[in-house]
Amino acid sequence: MRISYLNLLKTATISTDSENSNYPLENIYHVWKKKYFKAEDTSCTITATFDEISDITSVCLAYHNLSSATVNFYDSDDTLLDSWTLDCNHETEAQYGSVSSVSYCTIECASGSEVEIGVLFIGDSIYSVIESDQSIPLTSSDSVTASTDRQIAGKKGSVTRTADITIPLLTSSERKQIEYAFYECGLITPFFLDLWDSSHDYFEPIYCVFTDDLGSSHYEKYDEVEMSIQEAN
């Protein structure tokens, strides 16, 4: 399980070699899906210089049209530390690892049409070996009216995933990390929740928000966290 919640791009200095001025690069870390970045070409390179030397464990990509994306990490001496290639077959994708002492990174993007990215996350993540056996159902916000003979009408809403999640068998350190993520995000700031990080072919990461207070329990040999989430946008 991974929770990626503190996006370093929000405070980084970012630039690109191709940008549609109506869809600026700053939209790449905006919390709203509709605030997306769009290039003027089918490929572009985004450069992000962090405001301090950072350790990176998580890169997440959501609501995009990319055919390929490669993230290159550099130190302050311009030495290439590592490169991560994202699987762009999923609408929401994440790549995890560990790169220390990163000064800046470049993101090389390619698409069959003009590059579009709704959300890009680069930063640290909370990790636990626990993968919760959990149902994440789809919920509709449609406003439905029906006549006595079941003629259906109403106002179309949206369909999102929503769930109450229980994560058991946590260490106290893992529980405290999840609590810190809740302190940072509250009920407003979206984050990436990846309950099944071992494979995204079965279930992709969810870009979501907390919808209620976080429940924390301590038992003799382990801790447990209960959270309520809903997919954002």
C-alpha atoms as a PDB file:
ATOM      1  CA  MET A   1       0.000   0.000   0.000  1.00  0.00           C
ATOM      2  CA  ARG A   2       1.194   3.498  -0.852  1.00  0.00           C
ATOM      3  CA  ILE A   3      -0.101   6.962  -0.010  1.00  0.00           C
ATOM      4  CA  SER A   4       1.456   9.788  -2.046  1.00  0.00           C
ATOM      5  CA  TYR A   5       0.302  13.070  -0.558  1.00  0.00           C
ATOM      6  CA  LEU A   6       3.011  15.791  -0.556  1.00  0.00           C
ATOM      7  CA  ASN A   7       3.690  16.934  -4.130  1.00  0.00           C
ATOM      8  CA  LEU A   8       7.108  18.627  -4.421  1.00  0.00           C
ATOM      9  CA  LEU A   9       6.095  20.186  -7.748  1.00  0.00           C
ATOM     10  CA  LYS A  10       3.929  22.677  -5.834  1.00  0.00           C
ATOM     11  CA  THR A  11       7.033  24.469  -4.533  1.00  0.00           C
ATOM     12  CA  ALA A  12       9.474  23.576  -7.335  1.00  0.00           C
ATOM     13  CA  THR A  13      10.552  25.844 -10.196  1.00  0.00           C
ATOM     14  CA  ILE A  14       9.065  24.238 -13.290  1.00  0.00           C
ATOM     15  CA  SER A  15       9.445  24.914 -17.017  1.00  0.00           C
ATOM     16  CA  THR A  16       8.770  23.216 -20.334  1.00  0.00           C
ATOM     17  CA  ASP A  17       9.822  23.518 -23.973  1.00  0.00           C
ATOM     18  CA  SER A  18       6.216  23.409 -25.224  1.00  0.00           C
ATOM     19  CA  GLU A  19       3.157  24.991 -23.611  1.00  0.00           C
ATOM     20  CA  ASN A  20      -0.320  26.035 -24.672  1.00  0.00           C
ATOM     21  CA  SER A  21      -0.835  29.357 -22.883  1.00  0.00           C
ATOM     22  CA  ASN A  22      -4.507  28.517 -22.275  1.00  0.00           C
ATOM     23  CA  TYR A  23      -3.472  25.392 -20.341  1.00  0.00           C
ATOM     24  CA  PRO A  24      -0.316  26.485 -18.453  1.00  0.00           C
ATOM     25  CA  LEU A  25       2.239  24.187 -16.883  1.00  0.00           C
ATOM     26  CA  GLU A  26       1.200  25.209 -13.340  1.00  0.00           C
ATOM     27  CA  ASN A  27      -2.015  23.247 -13.896  1.00  0.00           C
ATOM     28  CA  ILE A  28       0.038  20.074 -13.695  1.00  0.00           C
ATOM     29  CA  TYR A  29      -0.122  20.143  -9.886  1.00  0.00           C
ATOM     30  CA  HIS A  30      -3.501  21.854  -9.515  1.00  0.00           C
ATOM     31  CA  VAL A  31      -5.884  19.781  -7.389  1.00  0.00           C
ATOM     32  CA  TRP A  32      -8.665  20.017 -10.006  1.00  0.00           C
ATOM     33  CA  LYS A  33      -8.660  17.597 -12.924  1.00  0.00           C
ATOM     34  CA  LYS A  34     -10.148  20.233 -15.248  1.00  0.00           C
ATOM     35  CA  LYS A  35      -7.117  22.444 -14.655  1.00  0.00           C
ATOM     36  CA  TYR A  36      -4.824  20.455 -16.946  1.00  0.00           C
ATOM     37  CA  PHE A  37      -1.553  21.175 -18.721  1.00  0.00           C
ATOM     38  CA  LYS A  38      -1.443  21.014 -22.509  1.00  0.00           C
ATOM     39  CA  ALA A  39       1.566  21.280 -24.804  1.00  0.00           C
ATOM     40  CA  GLU A  40       1.526  22.575 -28.371  1.00  0.00           C
ATOM     41  CA  ASP A  41       3.296  19.494 -29.682  1.00  0.00           C
ATOM     42  CA  THR A  42       3.113  15.708 -29.461  1.00  0.00           C
ATOM     43  CA  SER A  43       6.197  15.668 -27.238  1.00  0.00           C
ATOM     44  CA  CYS A  44       7.679  17.907 -24.584  1.00  0.00           C
ATOM     45  CA  THR A  45      10.186  17.955 -21.757  1.00  0.00           C
ATOM     46  CA  ILE A  46       9.210  19.304 -18.345  1.00  0.00           C
ATOM     47  CA  THR A  47      11.967  20.373 -15.942  1.00  0.00           C
ATOM     48  CA  ALA A  48      11.375  20.694 -12.199  1.00  0.00           C
ATOM     49  CA  THR A  49      14.019  22.135  -9.857  1.00  0.00           C
ATOM     50  CA  PHE A  50      13.127  21.455  -6.237  1.00  0.00           C
ATOM     51  CA  ASP A  51      13.415  24.146  -3.588  1.00  0.00           C
ATOM     52  CA  GLU A  52      15.684  21.835  -1.555  1.00  0.00           C
ATOM     53  CA  ILE A  53      17.595  18.598  -2.033  1.00  0.00           C
ATOM     54  CA  SER A  54      14.974  15.855  -1.817  1.00  0.00           C
ATOM     55  CA  ASP A  55      14.465  12.105  -1.624  1.00  0.00           C
ATOM     56  CA  ILE A  56      11.965  10.726  -4.130  1.00  0.00           C
ATOM     57  CA  THR A  57       9.991   7.516  -3.670  1.00  0.00           C
ATOM     58  CA  SER A  58       6.882   8.142  -5.778  1.00  0.00           C
ATOM     59  CA  VAL A  59       5.865   9.460  -9.207  1.00  0.00           C
ATOM     60  CA  CYS A  60       2.126   9.468 -10.038  1.00  0.00           C
ATOM     61  CA  LEU A  61       0.425  10.417 -13.288  1.00  0.00           C
ATOM     62  CA  ALA A  62      -3.324  10.879 -13.792  1.00  0.00           C
ATOM     63  CA  TYR A  63      -5.794  11.952 -16.496  1.00  0.00           C
ATOM     64  CA  HIS A  64      -3.331  12.018 -19.381  1.00  0.00           C
ATOM     65  CA  ASN A  65      -3.056  11.058 -23.060  1.00  0.00           C
ATOM     66  CA  LEU A  66       0.602  10.023 -22.992  1.00  0.00           C
ATOM     67  CA  SER A  67       2.041   7.089 -24.892  1.00  0.00           C
ATOM     68  CA  SER A  68       5.336   7.288 -22.960  1.00  0.00           C
ATOM     69  CA  ALA A  69       6.823   9.137 -19.993  1.00  0.00           C
ATOM     70  CA  THR A  70      10.324   8.931 -18.539  1.00  0.00           C
ATOM     71  CA  VAL A  71      11.476  10.750 -15.401  1.00  0.00           C
ATOM     72  CA  ASN A  72      15.227  11.460 -15.062  1.00  0.00           C
ATOM     73  CA  PHE A  73      16.610  12.431 -11.643  1.00  0.00           C
ATOM     74  CA  TYR A  74      19.765  14.566 -11.238  1.00  0.00           C
ATOM     75  CA  ASP A  75      21.859  15.793  -8.337  1.00  0.00           C
ATOM     76  CA  SER A  76      23.241  19.313  -7.912  1.00  0.00           C
ATOM     77  CA  ASP A  77      26.278  18.393 -10.055  1.00  0.00           C
ATOM     78  CA  ASP A  78      24.032  17.456 -12.993  1.00  0.00           C
ATOM     79  CA  THR A  79      24.821  13.766 -12.516  1.00  0.00           C
ATOM     80  CA  LEU A  80      22.046  11.415 -13.614  1.00  0.00           C
ATOM     81  CA  LEU A  81      21.006   9.456 -10.513  1.00  0.00           C
ATOM     82  CA  ASP A  82      18.239   7.283 -11.948  1.00  0.00           C
ATOM     83  CA  SER A  83      15.539   7.074 -14.639  1.00  0.00           C
ATOM     84  CA  TRP A  84      11.997   5.781 -14.183  1.00  0.00           C
ATOM     85  CA  THR A  85       9.741   4.809 -17.084  1.00  0.00           C
ATOM     86  CA  LEU A  86       6.005   4.937 -16.414  1.00  0.00           C
ATOM     87  CA  ASP A  87       3.494   2.510 -17.887  1.00  0.00           C
ATOM     88  CA  CYS A  88       1.153   4.866 -19.728  1.00  0.00           C
ATOM     89  CA  ASN A  89      -1.427   2.187 -20.557  1.00  0.00           C
ATOM     90  CA  HIS A  90      -3.343   3.105 -17.404  1.00  0.00           C
ATOM     91  CA  GLU A  91      -5.364   6.290 -16.917  1.00  0.00           C
ATOM     92  CA  THR A  92      -3.792   6.610 -13.477  1.00  0.00           C
ATOM     93  CA  GLU A  93      -0.268   5.259 -13.083  1.00  0.00           C
ATOM     94  CA  ALA A  94       2.416   5.315 -10.403  1.00  0.00           C
ATOM     95  CA  GLN A  95       6.053   4.273 -10.226  1.00  0.00           C
ATOM     96  CA  TYR A  96       7.867   3.689  -6.943  1.00  0.00           C
ATOM     97  CA  GLY A  97      11.495   3.387  -5.928  1.00  0.00           C
ATOM     98  CA  SER A  98      14.079   5.322  -3.941  1.00  0.00           C
ATOM     99  CA  VAL A  99      16.308   8.110  -5.234  1.00  0.00           C
ATOM    100  CA  SER A 100      18.249  10.216  -2.723  1.00  0.00           C
ATOM    101  CA  SER A 101      19.699  13.735  -2.938  1.00  0.00           C
ATOM    102  CA  VAL A 102      17.709  14.841  -5.965  1.00  0.00           C
ATOM    103  CA  SER A 103      18.207  18.451  -7.036  1.00  0.00           C
ATOM    104  CA  TYR A 104      16.039  18.457 -10.158  1.00  0.00           C
ATOM    105  CA  CYS A 105      14.357  16.151 -12.618  1.00  0.00           C
ATOM    106  CA  THR A 106      13.173  16.119 -16.218  1.00  0.00           C
ATOM    107  CA  ILE A 107      10.009  14.455 -17.471  1.00  0.00           C
ATOM    108  CA  GLU A 108      10.114  13.416 -21.134  1.00  0.00           C
ATOM    109  CA  CYS A 109       6.566  13.074 -22.472  1.00  0.00           C
ATOM    110  CA  ALA A 110       5.208  11.812 -25.790  1.00  0.00           C
ATOM    111  CA  SER A 111       1.691  11.363 -27.157  1.00  0.00           C
ATOM    112  CA  GLY A 112      -0.179  10.658 -30.384  1.00  0.00           C
ATOM    113  CA  SER A 113      -1.637  14.181 -30.189  1.00  0.00           C
ATOM    114  CA  GLU A 114      -0.804  17.319 -28.223  1.00  0.00           C
ATOM    115  CA  VAL A 115       0.440  16.277 -24.775  1.00  0.00           C
ATOM    116  CA  GLU A 116      -2.151  16.594 -22.000  1.00  0.00           C
ATOM    117  CA  ILE A 117      -1.611  15.903 -18.280  1.00  0.00           C
ATOM    118  CA  GLY A 118      -4.209  16.442 -15.568  1.00  0.00           C
ATOM    119  CA  VAL A 119      -2.090  15.683 -12.490  1.00  0.00           C
ATOM    120  CA  LEU A 120       1.593  14.891 -12.030  1.00  0.00           C
ATOM    121  CA  PHE A 121       2.942  14.014  -8.586  1.00  0.00           C
ATOM    122  CA  ILE A 122       6.636  13.754  -7.696  1.00  0.00           C
ATOM    123  CA  GLY A 123       7.603  13.324  -4.062  1.00  0.00           C
ATOM    124  CA  ASP A 124       7.744  10.998  -1.098  1.00  0.00           C
ATOM    125  CA  SER A 125       5.178   8.354  -0.205  1.00  0.00           C
ATOM    126  CA  ILE A 126       4.057   6.351   2.797  1.00  0.00           C
ATOM    127  CA  TYR A 127       4.619   2.631   2.294  1.00  0.00           C
ATOM    128  CA  SER A 128       3.259  -0.420   4.073  1.00  0.00           C
ATOM    129  CA  VAL A 129       3.587  -4.049   3.045  1.00  0.00           C
ATOM    130  CA  ILE A 130      -0.102  -4.476   3.905  1.00  0.00           C
ATOM    131  CA  GLU A 131      -2.363  -4.699   0.849  1.00  0.00           C
ATOM    132  CA  SER A 132      -5.927  -4.375   2.129  1.00  0.00           C
ATOM    133  CA  ASP A 133      -8.543  -6.815   0.814  1.00  0.00           C
ATOM    134  CA  GLN A 134     -11.010  -4.082   0.121  1.00  0.00           C
ATOM    135  CA  SER A 135     -14.048  -3.318  -2.014  1.00  0.00           C
ATOM    136  CA  ILE A 136     -13.939   0.079  -3.742  1.00  0.00           C
ATOM    137  CA  PRO A 137     -17.417   0.403  -5.320  1.00  0.00           C
ATOM    138  CA  LEU A 138     -18.581   2.972  -7.845  1.00  0.00           C
ATOM    139  CA  THR A 139     -21.014   5.616  -6.569  1.00  0.00           C
ATOM    140  CA  SER A 140     -23.215   7.812  -8.766  1.00  0.00           C
ATOM    141  CA  SER A 141     -24.306  11.353  -7.888  1.00  0.00           C
ATOM    142  CA  ASP A 142     -27.152  11.297 -10.426  1.00  0.00           C
ATOM    143  CA  SER A 143     -30.318  13.024  -9.211  1.00  0.00           C
ATOM    144  CA  VAL A 144     -33.107  10.666 -10.269  1.00  0.00           C
ATOM    145  CA  THR A 145     -36.850  11.194 -10.472  1.00  0.00           C
ATOM    146  CA  ALA A 146     -39.340   8.509 -11.476  1.00  0.00           C
ATOM    147  CA  SER A 147     -43.027   8.476 -12.330  1.00  0.00           C
ATOM    148  CA  THR A 148     -45.435   5.970 -10.846  1.00  0.00           C
ATOM    149  CA  ASP A 149     -44.998   3.770 -13.922  1.00  0.00           C
ATOM    150  CA  ARG A 150     -41.180   4.013 -13.600  1.00  0.00           C
ATOM    151  CA  GLN A 151     -40.451   6.483 -16.380  1.00  0.00           C
ATOM    152  CA  ILE A 152     -36.988   7.758 -15.405  1.00  0.00           C
ATOM    153  CA  ALA A 153     -35.725  11.319 -15.617  1.00  0.00           C
ATOM    154  CA  GLY A 154     -33.312  13.474 -13.659  1.00  0.00           C
ATOM    155  CA  LYS A 155     -30.047  15.379 -13.663  1.00  0.00           C
ATOM    156  CA  LYS A 156     -26.848  13.646 -14.675  1.00  0.00           C
ATOM    157  CA  GLY A 157     -24.107  13.699 -12.063  1.00  0.00           C
ATOM    158  CA  SER A 158     -20.789  11.871 -11.985  1.00  0.00           C
ATOM    159  CA  VAL A 159     -19.549   8.386 -11.103  1.00  0.00           C
ATOM    160  CA  THR A 160     -16.682   8.051  -8.633  1.00  0.00           C
ATOM    161  CA  ARG A 161     -15.171   5.377  -6.422  1.00  0.00           C
ATOM    162  CA  THR A 162     -15.909   5.713  -2.730  1.00  0.00           C
ATOM    163  CA  ALA A 163     -15.200   3.464   0.222  1.00  0.00           C
ATOM    164  CA  ASP A 164     -14.599   2.989   3.920  1.00  0.00           C
ATOM    165  CA  ILE A 165     -11.178   1.348   4.194  1.00  0.00           C
ATOM    166  CA  THR A 166      -9.665  -0.552   7.097  1.00  0.00           C
ATOM    167  CA  ILE A 167      -5.891  -1.091   7.107  1.00  0.00           C
ATOM    168  CA  PRO A 168      -4.880  -3.571   9.840  1.00  0.00           C
ATOM    169  CA  LEU A 169      -1.582  -4.925  11.180  1.00  0.00           C
ATOM    170  CA  LEU A 170       0.272  -1.605  10.996  1.00  0.00           C
ATOM    171  CA  THR A 171       3.294  -0.697  13.040  1.00  0.00           C
ATOM    172  CA  SER A 172       2.959   2.417  15.205  1.00  0.00           C
ATOM    173  CA  SER A 173       5.321   4.219  12.805  1.00  0.00           C
ATOM    174  CA  GLU A 174       3.147   3.366   9.794  1.00  0.00           C
ATOM    175  CA  ARG A 175       0.034   4.529  11.644  1.00  0.00           C
ATOM    176  CA  LYS A 176       1.686   7.831  12.554  1.00  0.00           C
ATOM    177  CA  GLN A 177       2.698   8.377   8.922  1.00  0.00           C
ATOM    178  CA  ILE A 178      -0.904   7.942   7.766  1.00  0.00           C
ATOM    179  CA  GLU A 179      -2.046  10.325  10.497  1.00  0.00           C
ATOM    180  CA  TYR A 180       0.504  12.882   9.273  1.00  0.00           C
ATOM    181  CA  ALA A 181      -0.891  12.563   5.736  1.00  0.00           C
ATOM    182  CA  PHE A 182      -4.340  13.307   7.173  1.00  0.00           C
ATOM    183  CA  TYR A 183      -2.963  16.383   8.987  1.00  0.00           C
ATOM    184  CA  GLU A 184      -1.512  17.647   5.694  1.00  0.00           C
ATOM    185  CA  CYS A 185      -4.484  16.875   3.429  1.00  0.00           C
ATOM    186  CA  GLY A 186      -7.494  17.256   5.703  1.00  0.00           C
ATOM    187  CA  LEU A 187     -10.741  16.883   3.775  1.00  0.00           C
ATOM    188  CA  ILE A 188      -9.681  19.241   0.970  1.00  0.00           C
ATOM    189  CA  THR A 189      -6.385  18.231  -0.653  1.00  0.00           C
ATOM    190  CA  PRO A 190      -6.416  15.153  -2.935  1.00  0.00           C
ATOM    191  CA  PHE A 191      -3.763  12.451  -2.698  1.00  0.00           C
ATOM    192  CA  PHE A 192      -2.944   9.172  -4.457  1.00  0.00           C
ATOM    193  CA  LEU A 193      -4.001   5.998  -2.663  1.00  0.00           C
ATOM    194  CA  ASP A 194      -2.560   2.769  -4.052  1.00  0.00           C
ATOM    195  CA  LEU A 195      -3.964  -0.144  -2.075  1.00  0.00           C
ATOM    196  CA  TRP A 196      -2.639  -2.749  -4.507  1.00  0.00           C
ATOM    197  CA  ASP A 197       0.742  -1.322  -5.502  1.00  0.00           C
ATOM    198  CA  SER A 198       2.140  -4.723  -6.544  1.00  0.00           C
ATOM    199  CA  SER A 199       0.158  -4.564  -9.825  1.00  0.00           C
ATOM    200  CA  HIS A 200      -1.852  -1.833 -11.559  1.00  0.00           C
ATOM    201  CA  ASP A 201      -3.240  -4.239 -14.152  1.00  0.00           C
ATOM    202  CA  TYR A 202      -5.923  -5.250 -11.642  1.00  0.00           C
ATOM    203  CA  PHE A 203      -6.565  -1.914  -9.898  1.00  0.00           C
ATOM    204  CA  GLU A 204      -5.078   1.498 -10.547  1.00  0.00           C
ATOM    205  CA  PRO A 205      -4.136   4.071  -7.899  1.00  0.00           C
ATOM    206  CA  ILE A 206      -7.032   6.293  -6.836  1.00  0.00           C
ATOM    207  CA  TYR A 207      -6.755  10.096  -6.837  1.00  0.00           C
ATOM    208  CA  CYS A 208      -8.995  10.820  -3.875  1.00  0.00           C
ATOM    209  CA  VAL A 209      -9.776  12.875  -0.772  1.00  0.00           C
ATOM    210  CA  PHE A 210     -10.544  11.974   2.814  1.00  0.00           C
ATOM    211  CA  THR A 211     -14.278  12.401   3.420  1.00  0.00           C
ATOM    212  CA  ASP A 212     -14.422  11.892   7.189  1.00  0.00           C
ATOM    213  CA  ASP A 213     -12.292  11.829  10.317  1.00  0.00           C
ATOM    214  CA  LEU A 214      -9.454   9.306  10.416  1.00  0.00           C
ATOM    215  CA  GLY A 215      -9.927   6.412  12.827  1.00  0.00           C
ATOM    216  CA  SER A 216      -6.807   5.166  14.633  1.00  0.00           C
ATOM    217  CA  SER A 217      -6.736   2.156  16.967  1.00  0.00           C
ATOM    218  CA  HIS A 218      -3.919   0.619  18.987  1.00  0.00           C
ATOM    219  CA  TYR A 219      -3.929  -3.045  19.934  1.00  0.00           C
ATOM    220  CA  GLU A 220      -1.448  -5.183  21.852  1.00  0.00           C
ATOM    221  CA  LYS A 221       0.600  -6.232  18.836  1.00  0.00           C
ATOM    222  CA  TYR A 222      -0.444  -3.874  16.030  1.00  0.00           C
ATOM    223  CA  ASP A 223      -2.252  -0.661  15.092  1.00  0.00           C
ATOM    224  CA  GLU A 224      -5.191  -0.165  12.743  1.00  0.00           C
ATOM    225  CA  VAL A 225      -6.421   2.763  10.666  1.00  0.00           C
ATOM    226  CA  GLU A 226      -9.912   3.363   9.293  1.00  0.00           C
ATOM    227  CA  MET A 227     -10.398   5.945   6.553  1.00  0.00           C
ATOM    228  CA  SER A 228     -13.214   7.095   4.307  1.00  0.00           C
ATOM    229  CA  ILE A 229     -12.253   8.239   0.808  1.00  0.00           C
ATOM    230  CA  GLN A 230     -13.881   9.378  -2.406  1.00  0.00           C
ATOM    231  CA  GLU A 231     -12.310   9.685  -5.824  1.00  0.00           C
ATOM    232  CA  ALA A 232     -11.629  13.319  -6.767  1.00  0.00           C
ATOM    233  CA  ASN A 233     -12.986  14.819  -9.982  1.00  0.00           C
END
